[in-house]
Structures are given as structure tokens and as C-alpha cells.
Amino acid sequence: MKEYIEERAVDIANYIIEHDATVRQTAKAFGVSKSTVHKDVTTRLELINPALAKRARKVLDVNKSERHIRGGLATKEKYMQQHCV
């Protein structure tokens, strides 16, 4: 694996942990795709630093378990904005 990919994977994991960031937020911050973020954290990081991968994965699992709630709140906010305007 190329060195810059390994560094990116570690940087991405640290960003996710520090900011409790979602895959989308992380992808936007690093200018890469959601697929790249997911691949870096779940596959590549396991080979580089398993302990860091486990910590980042824990944050992503929490985000995944809460995403349906966030989606509902976003939809509610969208319709509230439409009715108030």
C-alpha cells in the first residue's frame, strides 16, 4: 500500500474520532468519496493500526445506528421551513 494512502487512512480515523464525524462529513472534509472513507476505515486501517480502526469503527457504528433519527429530524425541519415561509 502506498504511504500517502496509509497516512490518509490514519488522518481520516483521527478526524472521525475527534469530531464524531459521519462518513459524509469526513469525505467532504478530506475531498474524497464516501466509498474511500469507508474503505480506509474498515479495510486499510485494520492492516495499519487495528486499535485505531476499532475506535473509529465504534464512532461510525453509533452514527449508523442514529442515522434514521437524523433523517427524520432533517425531513421534519424541511417541512417546517416550507410551512413557515
PDB file of N, CA and C in Angstrom:
ATOM      1  N   MET A   1       0.849  -1.179   0.000  1.00  0.00           N
ATOM      2  CA  MET A   1       0.000   0.000   0.000  1.00  0.00           C
ATOM      3  C   MET A   1       0.895   1.242   0.000  1.00  0.00           C
ATOM      4  N   LYS A   2       0.488   2.241  -0.743  1.00  0.00           N
ATOM      5  CA  LYS A   2       1.290   3.459  -0.831  1.00  0.00           C
ATOM      6  C   LYS A   2       1.218   4.231   0.489  1.00  0.00           C
ATOM      7  N   GLU A   3       2.306   4.916   0.770  1.00  0.00           N
ATOM      8  CA  GLU A   3       2.431   5.617   2.050  1.00  0.00           C
ATOM      9  C   GLU A   3       1.378   6.700   2.238  1.00  0.00           C
ATOM     10  N   TYR A   4       1.069   7.442   1.180  1.00  0.00           N
ATOM     11  CA  TYR A   4       0.085   8.522   1.325  1.00  0.00           C
ATOM     12  C   TYR A   4      -1.309   7.968   1.623  1.00  0.00           C
ATOM     13  N   ILE A   5      -1.601   6.773   1.146  1.00  0.00           N
ATOM     14  CA  ILE A   5      -2.896   6.157   1.448  1.00  0.00           C
ATOM     15  C   ILE A   5      -2.952   5.759   2.919  1.00  0.00           C
ATOM     16  N   GLU A   6      -1.862   5.218   3.418  1.00  0.00           N
ATOM     17  CA  GLU A   6      -1.800   4.845   4.838  1.00  0.00           C
ATOM     18  C   GLU A   6      -1.956   6.078   5.724  1.00  0.00           C
ATOM     19  N   GLU A   7      -1.266   7.157   5.365  1.00  0.00           N
ATOM     20  CA  GLU A   7      -1.369   8.403   6.139  1.00  0.00           C
ATOM     21  C   GLU A   7      -2.794   8.950   6.096  1.00  0.00           C
ATOM     22  N   ARG A   8      -3.420   8.913   4.918  1.00  0.00           N
ATOM     23  CA  ARG A   8      -4.792   9.391   4.788  1.00  0.00           C
ATOM     24  C   ARG A   8      -5.741   8.561   5.655  1.00  0.00           C
ATOM     25  N   ALA A   9      -5.550   7.260   5.677  1.00  0.00           N
ATOM     26  CA  ALA A   9      -6.416   6.387   6.465  1.00  0.00           C
ATOM     27  C   ALA A   9      -6.308   6.727   7.952  1.00  0.00           C
ATOM     28  N   VAL A  10      -5.109   6.955   8.423  1.00  0.00           N
ATOM     29  CA  VAL A  10      -4.903   7.322   9.824  1.00  0.00           C
ATOM     30  C   VAL A  10      -5.499   8.699  10.108  1.00  0.00           C
ATOM     31  N   ASP A  11      -5.274   9.649   9.207  1.00  0.00           N
ATOM     32  CA  ASP A  11      -5.832  11.001   9.374  1.00  0.00           C
ATOM     33  C   ASP A  11      -7.357  10.975   9.389  1.00  0.00           C
ATOM     34  N   ILE A  12      -7.935  10.193   8.510  1.00  0.00           N
ATOM     35  CA  ILE A  12      -9.390  10.074   8.455  1.00  0.00           C
ATOM     36  C   ILE A  12      -9.935   9.499   9.755  1.00  0.00           C
ATOM     37  N   ALA A  13      -9.300   8.453  10.253  1.00  0.00           N
ATOM     38  CA  ALA A  13      -9.748   7.829  11.503  1.00  0.00           C
ATOM     39  C   ALA A  13      -9.652   8.816  12.660  1.00  0.00           C
ATOM     40  N   ASN A  14      -8.557   9.538  12.738  1.00  0.00           N
ATOM     41  CA  ASN A  14      -8.403  10.525  13.807  1.00  0.00           C
ATOM     42  C   ASN A  14      -9.459  11.617  13.706  1.00  0.00           C
ATOM     43  N   TYR A  15      -9.776  12.046  12.496  1.00  0.00           N
ATOM     44  CA  TYR A  15     -10.807  13.072  12.289  1.00  0.00           C
ATOM     45  C   TYR A  15     -12.167  12.560  12.760  1.00  0.00           C
ATOM     46  N   ILE A  16     -12.492  11.344  12.391  1.00  0.00           N
ATOM     47  CA  ILE A  16     -13.772  10.756  12.788  1.00  0.00           C
ATOM     48  C   ILE A  16     -13.887  10.691  14.299  1.00  0.00           C
ATOM     49  N   ILE A  17     -12.831  10.264  14.952  1.00  0.00           N
ATOM     50  CA  ILE A  17     -12.840  10.120  16.415  1.00  0.00           C
ATOM     51  C   ILE A  17     -12.933  11.482  17.095  1.00  0.00           C
ATOM     52  N   GLU A  18     -12.134  12.449  16.649  1.00  0.00           N
ATOM     53  CA  GLU A  18     -12.093  13.767  17.291  1.00  0.00           C
ATOM     54  C   GLU A  18     -13.387  14.553  17.110  1.00  0.00           C
ATOM     55  N   HIS A  19     -14.002  14.424  15.928  1.00  0.00           N
ATOM     56  CA  HIS A  19     -15.178  15.241  15.614  1.00  0.00           C
ATOM     57  C   HIS A  19     -16.498  14.474  15.679  1.00  0.00           C
ATOM     58  N   ASP A  20     -16.462  13.195  16.039  1.00  0.00           N
ATOM     59  CA  ASP A  20     -17.661  12.348  15.975  1.00  0.00           C
ATOM     60  C   ASP A  20     -18.323  12.505  14.614  1.00  0.00           C
ATOM     61  N   ALA A  21     -17.526  12.500  13.590  1.00  0.00           N
ATOM     62  CA  ALA A  21     -17.985  12.807  12.236  1.00  0.00           C
ATOM     63  C   ALA A  21     -18.608  11.600  11.549  1.00  0.00           C
ATOM     64  N   THR A  22     -19.530  11.892  10.665  1.00  0.00           N
ATOM     65  CA  THR A  22     -20.123  10.860   9.826  1.00  0.00           C
ATOM     66  C   THR A  22     -19.211  10.622   8.622  1.00  0.00           C
ATOM     67  N   VAL A  23     -19.517   9.583   7.866  1.00  0.00           N
ATOM     68  CA  VAL A  23     -18.742   9.295   6.659  1.00  0.00           C
ATOM     69  C   VAL A  23     -18.862  10.458   5.673  1.00  0.00           C
ATOM     70  N   ARG A  24     -20.069  11.002   5.527  1.00  0.00           N
ATOM     71  CA  ARG A  24     -20.264  12.128   4.597  1.00  0.00           C
ATOM     72  C   ARG A  24     -19.471  13.355   5.026  1.00  0.00           C
ATOM     73  N   GLN A  25     -19.512  13.684   6.309  1.00  0.00           N
ATOM     74  CA  GLN A  25     -18.779  14.850   6.804  1.00  0.00           C
ATOM     75  C   GLN A  25     -17.277  14.660   6.594  1.00  0.00           C
ATOM     76  N   THR A  26     -16.799  13.474   6.852  1.00  0.00           N
ATOM     77  CA  THR A  26     -15.376  13.186   6.698  1.00  0.00           C
ATOM     78  C   THR A  26     -14.967  13.253   5.226  1.00  0.00           C
ATOM     79  N   ALA A  27     -15.785  12.686   4.361  1.00  0.00           N
ATOM     80  CA  ALA A  27     -15.478  12.714   2.931  1.00  0.00           C
ATOM     81  C   ALA A  27     -15.394  14.150   2.422  1.00  0.00           C
ATOM     82  N   LYS A  28     -16.318  14.980   2.874  1.00  0.00           N
ATOM     83  CA  LYS A  28     -16.312  16.381   2.463  1.00  0.00           C
ATOM     84  C   LYS A  28     -15.064  17.097   2.985  1.00  0.00           C
ATOM     85  N   ALA A  29     -14.680  16.832   4.222  1.00  0.00           N
ATOM     86  CA  ALA A  29     -13.522  17.486   4.823  1.00  0.00           C
ATOM     87  C   ALA A  29     -12.217  17.096   4.127  1.00  0.00           C
ATOM     88  N   PHE A  30     -12.133  15.855   3.654  1.00  0.00           N
ATOM     89  CA  PHE A  30     -10.902  15.379   3.029  1.00  0.00           C
ATOM     90  C   PHE A  30     -10.929  15.430   1.503  1.00  0.00           C
ATOM     91  N   GLY A  31     -12.085  15.772   0.943  1.00  0.00           N
ATOM     92  CA  GLY A  31     -12.185  15.866  -0.507  1.00  0.00           C
ATOM     93  C   GLY A  31     -12.097  14.524  -1.216  1.00  0.00           C
ATOM     94  N   VAL A  32     -12.609  13.488  -0.562  1.00  0.00           N
ATOM     95  CA  VAL A  32     -12.640  12.155  -1.164  1.00  0.00           C
ATOM     96  C   VAL A  32     -14.079  11.644  -1.141  1.00  0.00           C
ATOM     97  N   SER A  33     -14.299  10.502  -1.747  1.00  0.00           N
ATOM     98  CA  SER A  33     -15.651   9.943  -1.788  1.00  0.00           C
ATOM     99  C   SER A  33     -15.994   9.217  -0.487  1.00  0.00           C
ATOM    100  N   LYS A  34     -17.289   8.992  -0.284  1.00  0.00           N
ATOM    101  CA  LYS A  34     -17.740   8.245   0.886  1.00  0.00           C
ATOM    102  C   LYS A  34     -17.175   6.826   0.841  1.00  0.00           C
ATOM    103  N   SER A  35     -17.086   6.271  -0.350  1.00  0.00           N
ATOM    104  CA  SER A  35     -16.545   4.915  -0.509  1.00  0.00           C
ATOM    105  C   SER A  35     -15.098   4.841  -0.051  1.00  0.00           C
ATOM    106  N   THR A  36     -14.336   5.868  -0.378  1.00  0.00           N
ATOM    107  CA  THR A  36     -12.927   5.908   0.023  1.00  0.00           C
ATOM    108  C   THR A  36     -12.804   5.977   1.536  1.00  0.00           C
ATOM    109  N   VAL A  37     -13.612   6.816   2.167  1.00  0.00           N
ATOM    110  CA  VAL A  37     -13.586   6.928   3.629  1.00  0.00           C
ATOM    111  C   VAL A  37     -13.918   5.583   4.255  1.00  0.00           C
ATOM    112  N   HIS A  38     -14.966   4.962   3.769  1.00  0.00           N
ATOM    113  CA  HIS A  38     -15.393   3.684   4.324  1.00  0.00           C
ATOM    114  C   HIS A  38     -14.312   2.616   4.136  1.00  0.00           C
ATOM    115  N   LYS A  39     -13.735   2.547   2.949  1.00  0.00           N
ATOM    116  CA  LYS A  39     -12.679   1.572   2.653  1.00  0.00           C
ATOM    117  C   LYS A  39     -11.454   1.824   3.523  1.00  0.00           C
ATOM    118  N   ASP A  40     -11.070   3.089   3.690  1.00  0.00           N
ATOM    119  CA  ASP A  40      -9.914   3.420   4.519  1.00  0.00           C
ATOM    120  C   ASP A  40     -10.113   2.962   5.953  1.00  0.00           C
ATOM    121  N   VAL A  41     -11.291   3.212   6.499  1.00  0.00           N
ATOM    122  CA  VAL A  41     -11.531   2.910   7.913  1.00  0.00           C
ATOM    123  C   VAL A  41     -11.759   1.419   8.150  1.00  0.00           C
ATOM    124  N   THR A  42     -12.506   0.770   7.284  1.00  0.00           N
ATOM    125  CA  THR A  42     -12.866  -0.620   7.545  1.00  0.00           C
ATOM    126  C   THR A  42     -11.832  -1.627   7.077  1.00  0.00           C
ATOM    127  N   THR A  43     -11.133  -1.341   5.999  1.00  0.00           N
ATOM    128  CA  THR A  43     -10.211  -2.330   5.437  1.00  0.00           C
ATOM    129  C   THR A  43      -8.746  -1.946   5.632  1.00  0.00           C
ATOM    130  N   ARG A  44      -8.376  -0.802   5.101  1.00  0.00           N
ATOM    131  CA  ARG A  44      -6.962  -0.423   5.114  1.00  0.00           C
ATOM    132  C   ARG A  44      -6.433  -0.176   6.511  1.00  0.00           C
ATOM    133  N   LEU A  45      -7.220   0.494   7.332  1.00  0.00           N
ATOM    134  CA  LEU A  45      -6.759   0.836   8.669  1.00  0.00           C
ATOM    135  C   LEU A  45      -6.594  -0.402   9.546  1.00  0.00           C
ATOM    136  N   GLU A  46      -7.378  -1.444   9.280  1.00  0.00           N
ATOM    137  CA  GLU A  46      -7.246  -2.701  10.023  1.00  0.00           C
ATOM    138  C   GLU A  46      -5.835  -3.263   9.895  1.00  0.00           C
ATOM    139  N   LEU A  47      -5.233  -3.093   8.732  1.00  0.00           N
ATOM    140  CA  LEU A  47      -3.884  -3.600   8.492  1.00  0.00           C
ATOM    141  C   LEU A  47      -2.813  -2.693   9.086  1.00  0.00           C
ATOM    142  N   ILE A  48      -3.102  -1.403   9.152  1.00  0.00           N
ATOM    143  CA  ILE A  48      -2.122  -0.418   9.610  1.00  0.00           C
ATOM    144  C   ILE A  48      -2.127  -0.286  11.124  1.00  0.00           C
ATOM    145  N   ASN A  49      -3.321  -0.041  11.690  1.00  0.00           N
ATOM    146  CA  ASN A  49      -3.441   0.225  13.125  1.00  0.00           C
ATOM    147  C   ASN A  49      -4.798  -0.308  13.615  1.00  0.00           C
ATOM    148  N   PRO A  50      -4.859  -1.579  13.988  1.00  0.00           N
ATOM    149  CA  PRO A  50      -6.132  -2.187  14.383  1.00  0.00           C
ATOM    150  C   PRO A  50      -6.825  -1.491  15.558  1.00  0.00           C
ATOM    151  N   ALA A  51      -6.065  -0.984  16.512  1.00  0.00           N
ATOM    152  CA  ALA A  51      -6.663  -0.319  17.672  1.00  0.00           C
ATOM    153  C   ALA A  51      -7.371   0.972  17.244  1.00  0.00           C
ATOM    154  N   LEU A  52      -6.724   1.745  16.392  1.00  0.00           N
ATOM    155  CA  LEU A  52      -7.327   2.983  15.892  1.00  0.00           C
ATOM    156  C   LEU A  52      -8.546   2.663  15.026  1.00  0.00           C
ATOM    157  N   ALA A  53      -8.450   1.613  14.241  1.00  0.00           N
ATOM    158  CA  ALA A  53      -9.573   1.199  13.397  1.00  0.00           C
ATOM    159  C   ALA A  53     -10.779   0.845  14.256  1.00  0.00           C
ATOM    160  N   LYS A  54     -10.543   0.187  15.359  1.00  0.00           N
ATOM    161  CA  LYS A  54     -11.637  -0.211  16.251  1.00  0.00           C
ATOM    162  C   LYS A  54     -12.319   1.012  16.857  1.00  0.00           C
ATOM    163  N   ARG A  55     -11.525   2.009  17.265  1.00  0.00           N
ATOM    164  CA  ARG A  55     -12.095   3.239  17.839  1.00  0.00           C
ATOM    165  C   ARG A  55     -12.912   4.009  16.810  1.00  0.00           C
ATOM    166  N   ALA A  56     -12.389   4.121  15.593  1.00  0.00           N
ATOM    167  CA  ALA A  56     -13.103   4.830  14.529  1.00  0.00           C
ATOM    168  C   ALA A  56     -14.368   4.072  14.155  1.00  0.00           C
ATOM    169  N   ARG A  57     -14.277   2.773  14.112  1.00  0.00           N
ATOM    170  CA  ARG A  57     -15.435   1.957  13.751  1.00  0.00           C
ATOM    171  C   ARG A  57     -16.556   2.108  14.778  1.00  0.00           C
ATOM    172  N   LYS A  58     -16.174   2.258  16.039  1.00  0.00           N
ATOM    173  CA  LYS A  58     -17.165   2.436  17.099  1.00  0.00           C
ATOM    174  C   LYS A  58     -17.972   3.720  16.865  1.00  0.00           C
ATOM    175  N   VAL A  59     -17.296   4.799  16.489  1.00  0.00           N
ATOM    176  CA  VAL A  59     -17.975   6.070  16.199  1.00  0.00           C
ATOM    177  C   VAL A  59     -18.895   5.905  14.992  1.00  0.00           C
ATOM    178  N   LEU A  60     -18.405   5.242  13.950  1.00  0.00           N
ATOM    179  CA  LEU A  60     -19.219   5.053  12.753  1.00  0.00           C
ATOM    180  C   LEU A  60     -20.439   4.173  13.035  1.00  0.00           C
ATOM    181  N   ASP A  61     -20.282   3.188  13.903  1.00  0.00           N
ATOM    182  CA  ASP A  61     -21.420   2.327  14.256  1.00  0.00           C
ATOM    183  C   ASP A  61     -22.497   3.114  15.000  1.00  0.00           C
ATOM    184  N   VAL A  62     -22.076   4.018  15.888  1.00  0.00           N
ATOM    185  CA  VAL A  62     -23.043   4.871  16.593  1.00  0.00           C
ATOM    186  C   VAL A  62     -23.769   5.755  15.582  1.00  0.00           C
ATOM    187  N   ASN A  63     -23.012   6.364  14.670  1.00  0.00           N
ATOM    188  CA  ASN A  63     -23.625   7.211  13.643  1.00  0.00           C
ATOM    189  C   ASN A  63     -24.613   6.421  12.794  1.00  0.00           C
ATOM    190  N   LYS A  64     -24.243   5.198  12.458  1.00  0.00           N
ATOM    191  CA  LYS A  64     -25.127   4.373  11.646  1.00  0.00           C
ATOM    192  C   LYS A  64     -26.416   4.034  12.389  1.00  0.00           C
ATOM    193  N   SER A  65     -26.299   3.782  13.680  1.00  0.00           N
ATOM    194  CA  SER A  65     -27.495   3.429  14.450  1.00  0.00           C
ATOM    195  C   SER A  65     -28.420   4.623  14.653  1.00  0.00           C
ATOM    196  N   GLU A  66     -27.892   5.841  14.528  1.00  0.00           N
ATOM    197  CA  GLU A  66     -28.691   7.050  14.734  1.00  0.00           C
ATOM    198  C   GLU A  66     -29.134   7.710  13.431  1.00  0.00           C
ATOM    199  N   ARG A  67     -28.724   7.203  12.298  1.00  0.00           N
ATOM    200  CA  ARG A  67     -28.972   7.921  11.050  1.00  0.00           C
ATOM    201  C   ARG A  67     -30.454   8.034  10.700  1.00  0.00           C
ATOM    202  N   HIS A  68     -31.242   7.045  11.046  1.00  0.00           N
ATOM    203  CA  HIS A  68     -32.669   7.138  10.742  1.00  0.00           C
ATOM    204  C   HIS A  68     -33.335   8.249  11.550  1.00  0.00           C
ATOM    205  N   ILE A  69     -32.820   8.500  12.739  1.00  0.00           N
ATOM    206  CA  ILE A  69     -33.349   9.586  13.574  1.00  0.00           C
ATOM    207  C   ILE A  69     -32.974  10.934  12.960  1.00  0.00           C
ATOM    208  N   ARG A  70     -31.708  11.069  12.548  1.00  0.00           N
ATOM    209  CA  ARG A  70     -31.254  12.310  11.928  1.00  0.00           C
ATOM    210  C   ARG A  70     -32.014  12.599  10.649  1.00  0.00           C
ATOM    211  N   GLY A  71     -32.278  11.551   9.874  1.00  0.00           N
ATOM    212  CA  GLY A  71     -33.026  11.723   8.627  1.00  0.00           C
ATOM    213  C   GLY A  71     -34.432  12.217   8.897  1.00  0.00           C
ATOM    214  N   GLY A  72     -35.070  11.666   9.921  1.00  0.00           N
ATOM    215  CA  GLY A  72     -36.418  12.103  10.280  1.00  0.00           C
ATOM    216  C   GLY A  72     -36.440  13.545  10.745  1.00  0.00           C
ATOM    217  N   LEU A  73     -35.451  13.923  11.535  1.00  0.00           N
ATOM    218  CA  LEU A  73     -35.369  15.314  12.011  1.00  0.00           C
ATOM    219  C   LEU A  73     -35.117  16.277  10.849  1.00  0.00           C
ATOM    220  N   ALA A  74     -34.278  15.874   9.913  1.00  0.00           N
ATOM    221  CA  ALA A  74     -33.996  16.727   8.755  1.00  0.00           C
ATOM    222  C   ALA A  74     -35.252  16.916   7.910  1.00  0.00           C
ATOM    223  N   THR A  75     -36.013  15.841   7.739  1.00  0.00           N
ATOM    224  CA  THR A  75     -37.255  15.936   6.969  1.00  0.00           C
ATOM    225  C   THR A  75     -38.257  16.828   7.685  1.00  0.00           C
ATOM    226  N   LYS A  76     -38.366  16.668   8.985  1.00  0.00           N
ATOM    227  CA  LYS A  76     -39.282  17.499   9.778  1.00  0.00           C
ATOM    228  C   LYS A  76     -38.901  18.974   9.640  1.00  0.00           C
ATOM    229  N   GLU A  77     -37.612  19.263   9.758  1.00  0.00           N
ATOM    230  CA  GLU A  77     -37.118  20.633   9.638  1.00  0.00           C
ATOM    231  C   GLU A  77     -37.421  21.200   8.248  1.00  0.00           C
ATOM    232  N   LYS A  78     -37.250  20.375   7.235  1.00  0.00           N
ATOM    233  CA  LYS A  78     -37.519  20.798   5.851  1.00  0.00           C
ATOM    234  C   LYS A  78     -38.967  21.225   5.688  1.00  0.00           C
ATOM    235  N   TYR A  79     -39.890  20.446   6.196  1.00  0.00           N
ATOM    236  CA  TYR A  79     -41.315  20.765   6.038  1.00  0.00           C
ATOM    237  C   TYR A  79     -41.733  21.914   6.952  1.00  0.00           C
ATOM    238  N   MET A  80     -41.088  22.057   8.089  1.00  0.00           N
ATOM    239  CA  MET A  80     -41.366  23.195   8.949  1.00  0.00           C
ATOM    240  C   MET A  80     -40.948  24.498   8.268  1.00  0.00           C
ATOM    241  N   GLN A  81     -39.822  24.459   7.564  1.00  0.00           N
ATOM    242  CA  GLN A  81     -39.348  25.630   6.834  1.00  0.00           C
ATOM    243  C   GLN A  81     -40.322  25.987   5.706  1.00  0.00           C
ATOM    244  N   GLN A  82     -40.845  25.004   5.037  1.00  0.00           N
ATOM    245  CA  GLN A  82     -41.754  25.243   3.918  1.00  0.00           C
ATOM    246  C   GLN A  82     -43.061  25.837   4.396  1.00  0.00           C
ATOM    247  N   HIS A  83     -43.565  25.406   5.538  1.00  0.00           N
ATOM    248  CA  HIS A  83     -44.844  25.901   6.049  1.00  0.00           C
ATOM    249  C   HIS A  83     -44.730  27.283   6.690  1.00  0.00           C
ATOM    250  N   CYS A  84     -43.547  27.623   7.161  1.00  0.00           N
ATOM    251  CA  CYS A  84     -43.353  28.907   7.824  1.00  0.00           C
ATOM    252  C   CYS A  84     -43.073  30.021   6.828  1.00  0.00           C
ATOM    253  N   VAL A  85     -42.695  29.692   5.628  1.00  0.00           N
ATOM    254  CA  VAL A  85     -42.323  30.717   4.642  1.00  0.00           C
ATOM    255  C   VAL A  85     -43.500  31.259   3.937  1.00  0.00           C
TER     256      VAL A  85
END
